[in-house]
Amino acid sequence: MRGKRRYVLLKYAGVGEISADEVLNRVRSLLTRVFGLMGLVDTDPVLVYSWEGKVFVVAVKREGLEKLLASLVFDAGQSLRVLKVVGTLRRTKKLIESMQR
C-alpha cells in the first residue's frame, strides 16, 4: 500500500531566483541537521513542481509533515516560506493556477 502524502507550497523570499535542485537540497539539509537521517527518511521530500524559481511544491509523507515544518524554522536566511499545505495534487494545481493570474 502506498503512503499518503501532503503537498507543501513553498515560496522563495530571497533575492533573485533559486533552482529547484537548490530548494530540495536545502530542505533535505535542514531536515538532516535538525532530525538526522531518520527524520529525512520519515519525511521523504520530493520536489513536484517549480514555478519561475519562486514557488515550489514539495511532497512529503503525511507522518513527516510536522518535521518538515519544524525544520524550516531553522532556515538561517528565512528564505523559504510556507504558503499552504494541501492534501491533494489537484488542489495544489488549482492554487498555482490562481497565483499565476
C-alpha atoms as a PDB file:
ATOM      1  CA  MET A   1       0.000   0.000   0.000  1.00  0.00           C
ATOM      2  CA  ARG A   2       1.358   3.395  -0.889  1.00  0.00           C
ATOM      3  CA  GLY A   3       1.685   6.088   1.741  1.00  0.00           C
ATOM      4  CA  LYS A   4      -0.372   9.232   1.984  1.00  0.00           C
ATOM      5  CA  ARG A   5       1.384  12.454   1.089  1.00  0.00           C
ATOM      6  CA  ARG A   6       0.886  16.144   1.732  1.00  0.00           C
ATOM      7  CA  TYR A   7       1.912  18.875  -0.678  1.00  0.00           C
ATOM      8  CA  VAL A   8       3.653  21.928   0.766  1.00  0.00           C
ATOM      9  CA  LEU A   9       3.704  25.144  -1.266  1.00  0.00           C
ATOM     10  CA  LEU A  10       6.948  26.981  -0.573  1.00  0.00           C
ATOM     11  CA  LYS A  11       7.836  30.478  -1.661  1.00  0.00           C
ATOM     12  CA  TYR A  12      11.430  31.629  -2.053  1.00  0.00           C
ATOM     13  CA  ALA A  13      11.698  35.041  -0.409  1.00  0.00           C
ATOM     14  CA  GLY A  14      15.362  35.640  -1.142  1.00  0.00           C
ATOM     15  CA  VAL A  15      16.981  37.848  -3.763  1.00  0.00           C
ATOM     16  CA  GLY A  16      16.659  36.638  -7.362  1.00  0.00           C
ATOM     17  CA  GLU A  17      15.644  33.136  -8.269  1.00  0.00           C
ATOM     18  CA  ILE A  18      16.689  29.735  -6.992  1.00  0.00           C
ATOM     19  CA  SER A  19      16.805  26.428  -8.842  1.00  0.00           C
ATOM     20  CA  ALA A  20      14.560  23.524  -7.938  1.00  0.00           C
ATOM     21  CA  ASP A  21      17.566  21.362  -7.027  1.00  0.00           C
ATOM     22  CA  GLU A  22      18.828  24.006  -4.605  1.00  0.00           C
ATOM     23  CA  VAL A  23      15.434  24.127  -2.859  1.00  0.00           C
ATOM     24  CA  LEU A  24      15.294  20.356  -2.499  1.00  0.00           C
ATOM     25  CA  ASN A  25      18.895  20.237  -1.250  1.00  0.00           C
ATOM     26  CA  ARG A  26      18.163  22.996   1.275  1.00  0.00           C
ATOM     27  CA  VAL A  27      15.048  21.187   2.555  1.00  0.00           C
ATOM     28  CA  ARG A  28      16.948  17.908   2.858  1.00  0.00           C
ATOM     29  CA  SER A  29      19.899  19.519   4.630  1.00  0.00           C
ATOM     30  CA  LEU A  30      17.590  21.280   7.109  1.00  0.00           C
ATOM     31  CA  LEU A  31      15.800  18.012   7.861  1.00  0.00           C
ATOM     32  CA  THR A  32      19.085  16.171   8.315  1.00  0.00           C
ATOM     33  CA  ARG A  33      20.542  18.895  10.532  1.00  0.00           C
ATOM     34  CA  VAL A  34      17.507  19.065  12.818  1.00  0.00           C
ATOM     35  CA  PHE A  35      16.214  15.460  12.877  1.00  0.00           C
ATOM     36  CA  GLY A  36      19.073  13.393  11.448  1.00  0.00           C
ATOM     37  CA  LEU A  37      18.806  10.739   8.771  1.00  0.00           C
ATOM     38  CA  MET A  38      15.735   9.156  10.346  1.00  0.00           C
ATOM     39  CA  GLY A  39      13.909  12.471  10.050  1.00  0.00           C
ATOM     40  CA  LEU A  40      14.838  12.631   6.387  1.00  0.00           C
ATOM     41  CA  VAL A  41      13.604   9.078   5.837  1.00  0.00           C
ATOM     42  CA  ASP A  42      10.365   9.739   7.748  1.00  0.00           C
ATOM     43  CA  THR A  43       9.659  12.837   5.663  1.00  0.00           C
ATOM     44  CA  ASP A  44      10.905  11.693   2.222  1.00  0.00           C
ATOM     45  CA  PRO A  45      10.687  15.110   0.477  1.00  0.00           C
ATOM     46  CA  VAL A  46      10.198  15.086  -3.297  1.00  0.00           C
ATOM     47  CA  LEU A  47      10.004  18.177  -5.480  1.00  0.00           C
ATOM     48  CA  VAL A  48       6.822  18.026  -7.546  1.00  0.00           C
ATOM     49  CA  TYR A  49       6.610  21.443  -9.199  1.00  0.00           C
ATOM     50  CA  SER A  50       8.592  24.620  -9.677  1.00  0.00           C
ATOM     51  CA  TRP A  51       7.242  27.915 -10.991  1.00  0.00           C
ATOM     52  CA  GLU A  52       9.530  30.765 -12.096  1.00  0.00           C
ATOM     53  CA  GLY A  53      12.156  29.998  -9.472  1.00  0.00           C
ATOM     54  CA  LYS A  54       9.934  31.456  -6.747  1.00  0.00           C
ATOM     55  CA  VAL A  55       7.155  28.960  -5.905  1.00  0.00           C
ATOM     56  CA  PHE A  56       7.802  25.276  -5.305  1.00  0.00           C
ATOM     57  CA  VAL A  57       5.689  22.271  -4.367  1.00  0.00           C
ATOM     58  CA  VAL A  58       7.328  19.655  -2.173  1.00  0.00           C
ATOM     59  CA  ALA A  59       5.546  16.370  -1.497  1.00  0.00           C
ATOM     60  CA  VAL A  60       6.184  14.788   1.911  1.00  0.00           C
ATOM     61  CA  LYS A  61       4.866  11.792   3.797  1.00  0.00           C
ATOM     62  CA  ARG A  62       1.936  12.693   5.993  1.00  0.00           C
ATOM     63  CA  GLU A  63       3.741  11.411   9.091  1.00  0.00           C
ATOM     64  CA  GLY A  64       6.730  13.673   8.401  1.00  0.00           C
ATOM     65  CA  LEU A  65       4.867  16.903   7.674  1.00  0.00           C
ATOM     66  CA  GLU A  66       5.412  18.336  11.163  1.00  0.00           C
ATOM     67  CA  LYS A  67       9.128  17.570  10.937  1.00  0.00           C
ATOM     68  CA  LEU A  68       9.399  19.472   7.661  1.00  0.00           C
ATOM     69  CA  LEU A  69       7.548  22.486   9.047  1.00  0.00           C
ATOM     70  CA  ALA A  70       9.671  22.460  12.206  1.00  0.00           C
ATOM     71  CA  SER A  71      12.925  22.217  10.255  1.00  0.00           C
ATOM     72  CA  LEU A  72      12.004  25.219   8.085  1.00  0.00           C
ATOM     73  CA  VAL A  73      12.030  27.332  11.248  1.00  0.00           C
ATOM     74  CA  PHE A  74      15.792  26.747  11.455  1.00  0.00           C
ATOM     75  CA  ASP A  75      16.451  28.171   7.976  1.00  0.00           C
ATOM     76  CA  ALA A  76      19.115  30.785   8.728  1.00  0.00           C
ATOM     77  CA  GLY A  77      18.133  33.208   5.976  1.00  0.00           C
ATOM     78  CA  GLN A  78      14.392  32.614   6.412  1.00  0.00           C
ATOM     79  CA  SER A  79      14.277  32.466   2.628  1.00  0.00           C
ATOM     80  CA  LEU A  80      11.759  29.593   2.339  1.00  0.00           C
ATOM     81  CA  ARG A  81       8.239  30.418   3.463  1.00  0.00           C
ATOM     82  CA  VAL A  82       5.283  28.032   3.647  1.00  0.00           C
ATOM     83  CA  LEU A  83       2.317  29.339   1.689  1.00  0.00           C
ATOM     84  CA  LYS A  84      -0.050  26.435   2.215  1.00  0.00           C
ATOM     85  CA  VAL A  85      -0.253  22.720   2.969  1.00  0.00           C
ATOM     86  CA  VAL A  86      -2.617  20.823   0.697  1.00  0.00           C
ATOM     87  CA  GLY A  87      -3.783  17.217   0.748  1.00  0.00           C
ATOM     88  CA  THR A  88      -4.249  16.599  -2.984  1.00  0.00           C
ATOM     89  CA  LEU A  89      -2.229  17.347  -6.057  1.00  0.00           C
ATOM     90  CA  ARG A  90      -5.382  18.534  -7.854  1.00  0.00           C
ATOM     91  CA  ARG A  91      -5.969  21.250  -5.243  1.00  0.00           C
ATOM     92  CA  THR A  92      -2.295  22.217  -5.441  1.00  0.00           C
ATOM     93  CA  LYS A  93      -2.563  22.736  -9.187  1.00  0.00           C
ATOM     94  CA  LYS A  94      -5.663  24.915  -8.724  1.00  0.00           C
ATOM     95  CA  LEU A  95      -3.856  27.088  -6.183  1.00  0.00           C
ATOM     96  CA  ILE A  96      -0.886  27.538  -8.500  1.00  0.00           C
ATOM     97  CA  GLU A  97      -3.154  28.422 -11.421  1.00  0.00           C
ATOM     98  CA  SER A  98      -4.870  31.070  -9.293  1.00  0.00           C
ATOM     99  CA  MET A  99      -1.461  32.514  -8.348  1.00  0.00           C
ATOM    100  CA  GLN A 100      -0.407  32.761 -11.982  1.00  0.00           C
ATOM    101  CA  ARG A 101      -3.259  35.129 -12.812  1.00  0.00           C
END
